[in-house]
Each structure stands twice: as C-alpha cells, then as structure tokens.
C-alpha cells in the first residue's frame, strides 16, 4: 500500500490532512482512493484521529459485480 499527502490545513488544535492511498488487490485490480484525516493535537501529541475514505470505490474494487459492492447494512453480520 502506498500513501501520498495532498495537503494539510491546521487551526488551533486540529489538523486536517488530505491524501491518496493506493494498493493492488489479490486479483490485480488497482484500488486508488482519496482520504481525509482529522487529527487533534495536544501538547505535541496526537490525541484523536478520525479518518474518512471513499468506501463505495473500495467496496466496488474489492467486491466487483456485487450490486451492493459487498457492503452490508448496519447491524447485519456475516460474510459477503
């Protein structure tokens, strides 16, 4: 997996970092995605991270041909 930074914005104790991530699946498909991470920094240490990514693209890449992209509704358990 590779990650590349795109940019950052900082205000007070919060830093928003945008980047890209990419990997190749076991079937050889490319999975490239944009990501956002919101970090809270206190006393020079990261105290919290919330990350966001394009999950629909990832699901379509990992589970091709599935109408729902392999994503299950909240509260549903079991394999795809």
PDB file of N, CA and C in Angstrom:
ATOM      1  N   UNK A   1       0.841  -1.163   0.000  1.00  0.00           N
ATOM      2  CA  UNK A   1       0.000   0.000   0.000  1.00  0.00           C
ATOM      3  C   UNK A   1       0.889   1.229   0.000  1.00  0.00           C
ATOM      4  N   UNK A   2       0.492   2.226  -0.761  1.00  0.00           N
ATOM      5  CA  UNK A   2       1.224   3.474  -0.756  1.00  0.00           C
ATOM      6  C   UNK A   2       0.284   4.609  -0.353  1.00  0.00           C
ATOM      7  N   UNK A   3       0.815   5.586   0.312  1.00  0.00           N
ATOM      8  CA  UNK A   3       0.046   6.773   0.668  1.00  0.00           C
ATOM      9  C   UNK A   3       0.856   8.001   0.271  1.00  0.00           C
ATOM     10  N   UNK A   4       0.162   9.004  -0.221  1.00  0.00           N
ATOM     11  CA  UNK A   4       0.802  10.243  -0.634  1.00  0.00           C
ATOM     12  C   UNK A   4       0.010  11.417  -0.089  1.00  0.00           C
ATOM     13  N   UNK A   5       0.670  12.367   0.567  1.00  0.00           N
ATOM     14  CA  UNK A   5      -0.040  13.541   1.068  1.00  0.00           C
ATOM     15  C   UNK A   5      -0.431  14.466  -0.075  1.00  0.00           C
ATOM     16  N   UNK A   6      -1.560  15.138   0.062  1.00  0.00           N
ATOM     17  CA  UNK A   6      -2.010  16.124  -0.910  1.00  0.00           C
ATOM     18  C   UNK A   6      -1.939  17.520  -0.300  1.00  0.00           C
ATOM     19  N   UNK A   7      -2.378  17.655   0.951  1.00  0.00           N
ATOM     20  CA  UNK A   7      -2.318  18.950   1.610  1.00  0.00           C
ATOM     21  C   UNK A   7      -2.818  18.866   3.035  1.00  0.00           C
ATOM     22  N   UNK A   8      -2.539  19.917   3.796  1.00  0.00           N
ATOM     23  CA  UNK A   8      -2.996  19.987   5.185  1.00  0.00           C
ATOM     24  C   UNK A   8      -3.509  21.387   5.491  1.00  0.00           C
ATOM     25  N   UNK A   9      -4.423  21.435   6.434  1.00  0.00           N
ATOM     26  CA  UNK A   9      -4.945  22.686   6.967  1.00  0.00           C
ATOM     27  C   UNK A   9      -4.946  22.541   8.484  1.00  0.00           C
ATOM     28  N   UNK A  10      -4.431  23.545   9.186  1.00  0.00           N
ATOM     29  CA  UNK A  10      -4.391  23.478  10.642  1.00  0.00           C
ATOM     30  C   UNK A  10      -5.047  24.715  11.236  1.00  0.00           C
ATOM     31  N   UNK A  11      -5.800  24.493  12.291  1.00  0.00           N
ATOM     32  CA  UNK A  11      -6.415  25.591  13.039  1.00  0.00           C
ATOM     33  C   UNK A  11      -6.532  25.162  14.493  1.00  0.00           C
ATOM     34  N   UNK A  12      -5.999  25.985  15.378  1.00  0.00           N
ATOM     35  CA  UNK A  12      -5.979  25.671  16.803  1.00  0.00           C
ATOM     36  C   UNK A  12      -5.355  24.299  17.020  1.00  0.00           C
ATOM     37  N   UNK A  13      -6.085  23.366  17.651  1.00  0.00           N
ATOM     38  CA  UNK A  13      -5.513  22.053  17.948  1.00  0.00           C
ATOM     39  C   UNK A  13      -5.935  20.980  16.947  1.00  0.00           C
ATOM     40  N   UNK A  14      -6.487  21.394  15.796  1.00  0.00           N
ATOM     41  CA  UNK A  14      -6.939  20.409  14.803  1.00  0.00           C
ATOM     42  C   UNK A  14      -6.187  20.550  13.498  1.00  0.00           C
ATOM     43  N   UNK A  15      -5.844  19.407  12.917  1.00  0.00           N
ATOM     44  CA  UNK A  15      -5.166  19.354  11.625  1.00  0.00           C
ATOM     45  C   UNK A  15      -5.972  18.451  10.715  1.00  0.00           C
ATOM     46  N   UNK A  16      -6.300  18.952   9.524  1.00  0.00           N
ATOM     47  CA  UNK A  16      -6.991  18.153   8.520  1.00  0.00           C
ATOM     48  C   UNK A  16      -5.980  17.849   7.422  1.00  0.00           C
ATOM     49  N   UNK A  17      -5.753  16.584   7.183  1.00  0.00           N
ATOM     50  CA  UNK A  17      -4.787  16.162   6.171  1.00  0.00           C
ATOM     51  C   UNK A  17      -5.508  15.394   5.072  1.00  0.00           C
ATOM     52  N   UNK A  18      -5.274  15.805   3.833  1.00  0.00           N
ATOM     53  CA  UNK A  18      -5.839  15.107   2.678  1.00  0.00           C
ATOM     54  C   UNK A  18      -4.730  14.327   2.006  1.00  0.00           C
ATOM     55  N   UNK A  19      -5.052  13.136   1.543  1.00  0.00           N
ATOM     56  CA  UNK A  19      -4.058  12.331   0.871  1.00  0.00           C
ATOM     57  C   UNK A  19      -4.686  11.302  -0.043  1.00  0.00           C
ATOM     58  N   UNK A  20      -3.843  10.584  -0.724  1.00  0.00           N
ATOM     59  CA  UNK A  20      -4.294   9.478  -1.561  1.00  0.00           C
ATOM     60  C   UNK A  20      -3.697   8.194  -1.003  1.00  0.00           C
ATOM     61  N   UNK A  21      -4.377   7.109  -1.253  1.00  0.00           N
ATOM     62  CA  UNK A  21      -3.883   5.789  -0.861  1.00  0.00           C
ATOM     63  C   UNK A  21      -4.108   4.856  -2.043  1.00  0.00           C
ATOM     64  N   UNK A  22      -3.205   3.953  -2.239  1.00  0.00           N
ATOM     65  CA  UNK A  22      -3.350   3.023  -3.342  1.00  0.00           C
ATOM     66  C   UNK A  22      -2.760   1.674  -3.015  1.00  0.00           C
ATOM     67  N   UNK A  23      -3.370   0.680  -3.590  1.00  0.00           N
ATOM     68  CA  UNK A  23      -2.902  -0.689  -3.401  1.00  0.00           C
ATOM     69  C   UNK A  23      -3.387  -1.517  -4.580  1.00  0.00           C
ATOM     70  N   UNK A  24      -2.858  -2.709  -4.709  1.00  0.00           N
ATOM     71  CA  UNK A  24      -3.313  -3.653  -5.724  1.00  0.00           C
ATOM     72  C   UNK A  24      -3.949  -4.831  -4.998  1.00  0.00           C
ATOM     73  N   UNK A  25      -5.165  -5.190  -5.427  1.00  0.00           N
ATOM     74  CA  UNK A  25      -5.853  -6.305  -4.784  1.00  0.00           C
ATOM     75  C   UNK A  25      -5.229  -7.628  -5.220  1.00  0.00           C
ATOM     76  N   UNK A  26      -5.628  -8.711  -4.587  1.00  0.00           N
ATOM     77  CA  UNK A  26      -5.093 -10.026  -4.935  1.00  0.00           C
ATOM     78  C   UNK A  26      -5.473 -10.431  -6.355  1.00  0.00           C
ATOM     79  N   UNK A  27      -6.530  -9.818  -6.906  1.00  0.00           N
ATOM     80  CA  UNK A  27      -6.934 -10.117  -8.285  1.00  0.00           C
ATOM     81  C   UNK A  27      -6.228  -9.221  -9.290  1.00  0.00           C
ATOM     82  N   UNK A  28      -5.377  -8.287  -8.800  1.00  0.00           N
ATOM     83  CA  UNK A  28      -4.635  -7.395  -9.682  1.00  0.00           C
ATOM     84  C   UNK A  28      -5.326  -6.069  -9.952  1.00  0.00           C
ATOM     85  N   UNK A  29      -6.507  -5.844  -9.383  1.00  0.00           N
ATOM     86  CA  UNK A  29      -7.221  -4.586  -9.586  1.00  0.00           C
ATOM     87  C   UNK A  29      -6.568  -3.470  -8.767  1.00  0.00           C
ATOM     88  N   UNK A  30      -6.513  -2.295  -9.367  1.00  0.00           N
ATOM     89  CA  UNK A  30      -5.974  -1.135  -8.653  1.00  0.00           C
ATOM     90  C   UNK A  30      -7.058  -0.533  -7.768  1.00  0.00           C
ATOM     91  N   UNK A  31      -6.703  -0.240  -6.550  1.00  0.00           N
ATOM     92  CA  UNK A  31      -7.620   0.400  -5.615  1.00  0.00           C
ATOM     93  C   UNK A  31      -6.981   1.713  -5.180  1.00  0.00           C
ATOM     94  N   UNK A  32      -7.350   2.801  -5.852  1.00  0.00           N
ATOM     95  CA  UNK A  32      -6.821   4.122  -5.532  1.00  0.00           C
ATOM     96  C   UNK A  32      -7.935   4.945  -4.921  1.00  0.00           C
ATOM     97  N   UNK A  33      -7.626   5.670  -3.863  1.00  0.00           N
ATOM     98  CA  UNK A  33      -8.661   6.335  -3.109  1.00  0.00           C
ATOM     99  C   UNK A  33      -8.149   7.634  -2.514  1.00  0.00           C
ATOM    100  N   UNK A  34      -9.039   8.623  -2.373  1.00  0.00           N
ATOM    101  CA  UNK A  34      -8.727   9.856  -1.650  1.00  0.00           C
ATOM    102  C   UNK A  34      -9.123   9.650  -0.200  1.00  0.00           C
ATOM    103  N   UNK A  35      -8.366  10.270   0.718  1.00  0.00           N
ATOM    104  CA  UNK A  35      -8.656  10.123   2.146  1.00  0.00           C
ATOM    105  C   UNK A  35      -8.530  11.481   2.834  1.00  0.00           C
ATOM    106  N   UNK A  36      -9.256  11.618   3.908  1.00  0.00           N
ATOM    107  CA  UNK A  36      -9.164  12.796   4.775  1.00  0.00           C
ATOM    108  C   UNK A  36      -8.987  12.293   6.199  1.00  0.00           C
ATOM    109  N   UNK A  37      -8.077  12.873   6.925  1.00  0.00           N
ATOM    110  CA  UNK A  37      -7.888  12.546   8.334  1.00  0.00           C
ATOM    111  C   UNK A  37      -7.944  13.815   9.166  1.00  0.00           C
ATOM    112  N   UNK A  38      -8.748  13.805  10.203  1.00  0.00           N
ATOM    113  CA  UNK A  38      -8.846  14.940  11.114  1.00  0.00           C
ATOM    114  C   UNK A  38      -8.161  14.527  12.410  1.00  0.00           C
ATOM    115  N   UNK A  39      -7.092  15.233  12.750  1.00  0.00           N
ATOM    116  CA  UNK A  39      -6.318  14.891  13.942  1.00  0.00           C
ATOM    117  C   UNK A  39      -6.413  16.023  14.959  1.00  0.00           C
ATOM    118  N   UNK A  40      -6.539  15.649  16.216  1.00  0.00           N
ATOM    119  CA  UNK A  40      -6.481  16.610  17.310  1.00  0.00           C
ATOM    120  C   UNK A  40      -5.122  16.462  17.967  1.00  0.00           C
ATOM    121  N   UNK A  41      -4.423  17.581  18.148  1.00  0.00           N
ATOM    122  CA  UNK A  41      -3.076  17.567  18.706  1.00  0.00           C
ATOM    123  C   UNK A  41      -3.066  18.394  19.987  1.00  0.00           C
ATOM    124  N   UNK A  42      -2.586  17.795  21.063  1.00  0.00           N
ATOM    125  CA  UNK A  42      -2.452  18.494  22.343  1.00  0.00           C
ATOM    126  C   UNK A  42      -1.074  18.191  22.929  1.00  0.00           C
ATOM    127  N   UNK A  43      -0.406  19.240  23.360  1.00  0.00           N
ATOM    128  CA  UNK A  43       0.927  19.111  23.949  1.00  0.00           C
ATOM    129  C   UNK A  43       1.887  18.350  23.031  1.00  0.00           C
ATOM    130  N   UNK A  44       1.789  18.592  21.728  1.00  0.00           N
ATOM    131  CA  UNK A  44       2.686  17.966  20.765  1.00  0.00           C
ATOM    132  C   UNK A  44       2.387  16.518  20.450  1.00  0.00           C
ATOM    133  N   UNK A  45       1.249  16.005  20.924  1.00  0.00           N
ATOM    134  CA  UNK A  45       0.893  14.597  20.685  1.00  0.00           C
ATOM    135  C   UNK A  45      -0.472  14.517  20.021  1.00  0.00           C
ATOM    136  N   UNK A  46      -0.626  13.559  19.131  1.00  0.00           N
ATOM    137  CA  UNK A  46      -1.928  13.314  18.506  1.00  0.00           C
ATOM    138  C   UNK A  46      -2.798  12.594  19.527  1.00  0.00           C
ATOM    139  N   UNK A  47      -3.936  13.207  19.864  1.00  0.00           N
ATOM    140  CA  UNK A  47      -4.824  12.609  20.872  1.00  0.00           C
ATOM    141  C   UNK A  47      -6.054  11.967  20.251  1.00  0.00           C
ATOM    142  N   UNK A  48      -6.332  12.268  18.979  1.00  0.00           N
ATOM    143  CA  UNK A  48      -7.523  11.724  18.339  1.00  0.00           C
ATOM    144  C   UNK A  48      -7.337  11.760  16.830  1.00  0.00           C
ATOM    145  N   UNK A  49      -7.846  10.729  16.156  1.00  0.00           N
ATOM    146  CA  UNK A  49      -7.838  10.684  14.692  1.00  0.00           C
ATOM    147  C   UNK A  49      -9.195  10.177  14.220  1.00  0.00           C
ATOM    148  N   UNK A  50      -9.780  10.917  13.284  1.00  0.00           N
ATOM    149  CA  UNK A  50     -10.993  10.459  12.603  1.00  0.00           C
ATOM    150  C   UNK A  50     -10.649  10.448  11.121  1.00  0.00           C
ATOM    151  N   UNK A  51     -10.850   9.312  10.461  1.00  0.00           N
ATOM    152  CA  UNK A  51     -10.467   9.177   9.062  1.00  0.00           C
ATOM    153  C   UNK A  51     -11.693   8.929   8.186  1.00  0.00           C
ATOM    154  N   UNK A  52     -11.661   9.506   6.995  1.00  0.00           N
ATOM    155  CA  UNK A  52     -12.740   9.351   6.029  1.00  0.00           C
ATOM    156  C   UNK A  52     -12.139   8.901   4.705  1.00  0.00           C
ATOM    157  N   UNK A  53     -12.816   7.984   4.025  1.00  0.00           N
ATOM    158  CA  UNK A  53     -12.337   7.496   2.731  1.00  0.00           C
ATOM    159  C   UNK A  53     -13.536   7.169   1.865  1.00  0.00           C
ATOM    160  N   UNK A  54     -13.296   7.054   0.561  1.00  0.00           N
ATOM    161  CA  UNK A  54     -14.356   6.715  -0.382  1.00  0.00           C
ATOM    162  C   UNK A  54     -14.668   5.226  -0.324  1.00  0.00           C
ATOM    163  N   UNK A  55     -15.498   4.824   0.623  1.00  0.00           N
ATOM    164  CA  UNK A  55     -15.763   3.404   0.838  1.00  0.00           C
ATOM    165  C   UNK A  55     -16.504   2.754  -0.330  1.00  0.00           C
ATOM    166  N   UNK A  56     -17.287   3.512  -1.072  1.00  0.00           N
ATOM    167  CA  UNK A  56     -18.011   2.922  -2.207  1.00  0.00           C
ATOM    168  C   UNK A  56     -17.010   2.424  -3.257  1.00  0.00           C
ATOM    169  N   UNK A  57     -16.015   3.236  -3.563  1.00  0.00           N
ATOM    170  CA  UNK A  57     -14.986   2.828  -4.523  1.00  0.00           C
ATOM    171  C   UNK A  57     -14.231   1.593  -4.032  1.00  0.00           C
ATOM    172  N   UNK A  58     -13.872   1.588  -2.766  1.00  0.00           N
ATOM    173  CA  UNK A  58     -13.147   0.444  -2.201  1.00  0.00           C
ATOM    174  C   UNK A  58     -14.003  -0.809  -2.294  1.00  0.00           C
ATOM    175  N   UNK A  59     -15.282  -0.715  -1.932  1.00  0.00           N
ATOM    176  CA  UNK A  59     -16.183  -1.876  -1.997  1.00  0.00           C
ATOM    177  C   UNK A  59     -16.327  -2.375  -3.425  1.00  0.00           C
ATOM    178  N   UNK A  60     -16.481  -1.461  -4.391  1.00  0.00           N
ATOM    179  CA  UNK A  60     -16.599  -1.880  -5.793  1.00  0.00           C
ATOM    180  C   UNK A  60     -15.336  -2.590  -6.274  1.00  0.00           C
ATOM    181  N   UNK A  61     -14.174  -2.134  -5.803  1.00  0.00           N
ATOM    182  CA  UNK A  61     -12.914  -2.742  -6.215  1.00  0.00           C
ATOM    183  C   UNK A  61     -12.711  -4.110  -5.572  1.00  0.00           C
ATOM    184  N   UNK A  62     -13.036  -4.223  -4.290  1.00  0.00           N
ATOM    185  CA  UNK A  62     -12.822  -5.483  -3.584  1.00  0.00           C
ATOM    186  C   UNK A  62     -13.899  -6.525  -3.888  1.00  0.00           C
ATOM    187  N   UNK A  63     -15.109  -6.069  -4.217  1.00  0.00           N
ATOM    188  CA  UNK A  63     -16.231  -6.976  -4.474  1.00  0.00           C
ATOM    189  C   UNK A  63     -16.871  -6.667  -5.820  1.00  0.00           C
ATOM    190  N   UNK A  64     -16.143  -6.811  -6.937  1.00  0.00           N
ATOM    191  CA  UNK A  64     -16.682  -6.461  -8.247  1.00  0.00           C
ATOM    192  C   UNK A  64     -17.888  -7.331  -8.610  1.00  0.00           C
ATOM    193  N   UNK A  65     -18.844  -6.704  -9.279  1.00  0.00           N
ATOM    194  CA  UNK A  65     -20.013  -7.446  -9.733  1.00  0.00           C
ATOM    195  C   UNK A  65     -21.126  -7.536  -8.721  1.00  0.00           C
ATOM    196  N   UNK A  66     -20.879  -7.150  -7.486  1.00  0.00           N
ATOM    197  CA  UNK A  66     -21.922  -7.159  -6.470  1.00  0.00           C
ATOM    198  C   UNK A  66     -22.704  -5.863  -6.578  1.00  0.00           C
ATOM    199  N   UNK A  67     -24.003  -5.972  -6.648  1.00  0.00           N
ATOM    200  CA  UNK A  67     -24.850  -4.783  -6.763  1.00  0.00           C
ATOM    201  C   UNK A  67     -24.639  -3.828  -5.598  1.00  0.00           C
ATOM    202  N   UNK A  68     -24.451  -4.387  -4.392  1.00  0.00           N
ATOM    203  CA  UNK A  68     -24.260  -3.555  -3.204  1.00  0.00           C
ATOM    204  C   UNK A  68     -22.790  -3.308  -2.909  1.00  0.00           C
ATOM    205  N   UNK A  69     -21.906  -3.743  -3.816  1.00  0.00           N
ATOM    206  CA  UNK A  69     -20.480  -3.549  -3.597  1.00  0.00           C
ATOM    207  C   UNK A  69     -19.931  -4.351  -2.434  1.00  0.00           C
ATOM    208  N   UNK A  70     -20.707  -5.308  -1.923  1.00  0.00           N
ATOM    209  CA  UNK A  70     -20.250  -6.111  -0.804  1.00  0.00           C
ATOM    210  C   UNK A  70     -20.482  -5.456   0.541  1.00  0.00           C
ATOM    211  N   UNK A  71     -21.124  -4.290   0.525  1.00  0.00           N
ATOM    212  CA  UNK A  71     -21.364  -3.561   1.768  1.00  0.00           C
ATOM    213  C   UNK A  71     -22.683  -4.015   2.362  1.00  0.00           C
ATOM    214  N   UNK A  72     -22.689  -4.297   3.657  1.00  0.00           N
ATOM    215  CA  UNK A  72     -23.896  -4.743   4.334  1.00  0.00           C
ATOM    216  C   UNK A  72     -24.482  -3.613   5.154  1.00  0.00           C
ATOM    217  N   UNK A  73     -25.803  -3.555   5.277  1.00  0.00           N
ATOM    218  CA  UNK A  73     -26.420  -2.534   6.113  1.00  0.00           C
ATOM    219  C   UNK A  73     -25.955  -2.653   7.557  1.00  0.00           C
ATOM    220  N   UNK A  74     -25.986  -1.545   8.272  1.00  0.00           N
ATOM    221  CA  UNK A  74     -25.584  -1.528   9.669  1.00  0.00           C
ATOM    222  C   UNK A  74     -26.373  -2.548  10.462  1.00  0.00           C
ATOM    223  N   UNK A  75     -25.700  -3.290  11.335  1.00  0.00           N
ATOM    224  CA  UNK A  75     -26.359  -4.263  12.187  1.00  0.00           C
ATOM    225  C   UNK A  75     -26.424  -5.650  11.574  1.00  0.00           C
ATOM    226  N   UNK A  76     -26.057  -5.790  10.299  1.00  0.00           N
ATOM    227  CA  UNK A  76     -26.088  -7.091   9.630  1.00  0.00           C
ATOM    228  C   UNK A  76     -24.712  -7.722   9.772  1.00  0.00           C
ATOM    229  N   UNK A  77     -24.663  -8.980  10.145  1.00  0.00           N
ATOM    230  CA  UNK A  77     -23.385  -9.665  10.280  1.00  0.00           C
ATOM    231  C   UNK A  77     -23.316 -10.816   9.294  1.00  0.00           C
ATOM    232  N   UNK A  78     -22.114 -11.306   9.069  1.00  0.00           N
ATOM    233  CA  UNK A  78     -21.926 -12.428   8.154  1.00  0.00           C
ATOM    234  C   UNK A  78     -21.088 -12.012   6.982  1.00  0.00           C
ATOM    235  N   UNK A  79     -20.678 -12.960   6.178  1.00  0.00           N
ATOM    236  CA  UNK A  79     -19.819 -12.693   5.033  1.00  0.00           C
ATOM    237  C   UNK A  79     -20.579 -12.136   3.858  1.00  0.00           C
ATOM    238  N   UNK A  80     -19.836 -11.576   2.892  1.00  0.00           N
ATOM    239  CA  UNK A  80     -20.484 -11.007   1.689  1.00  0.00           C
ATOM    240  C   UNK A  80     -21.099 -12.054   0.801  1.00  0.00           C
TER     241      UNK A  80
END
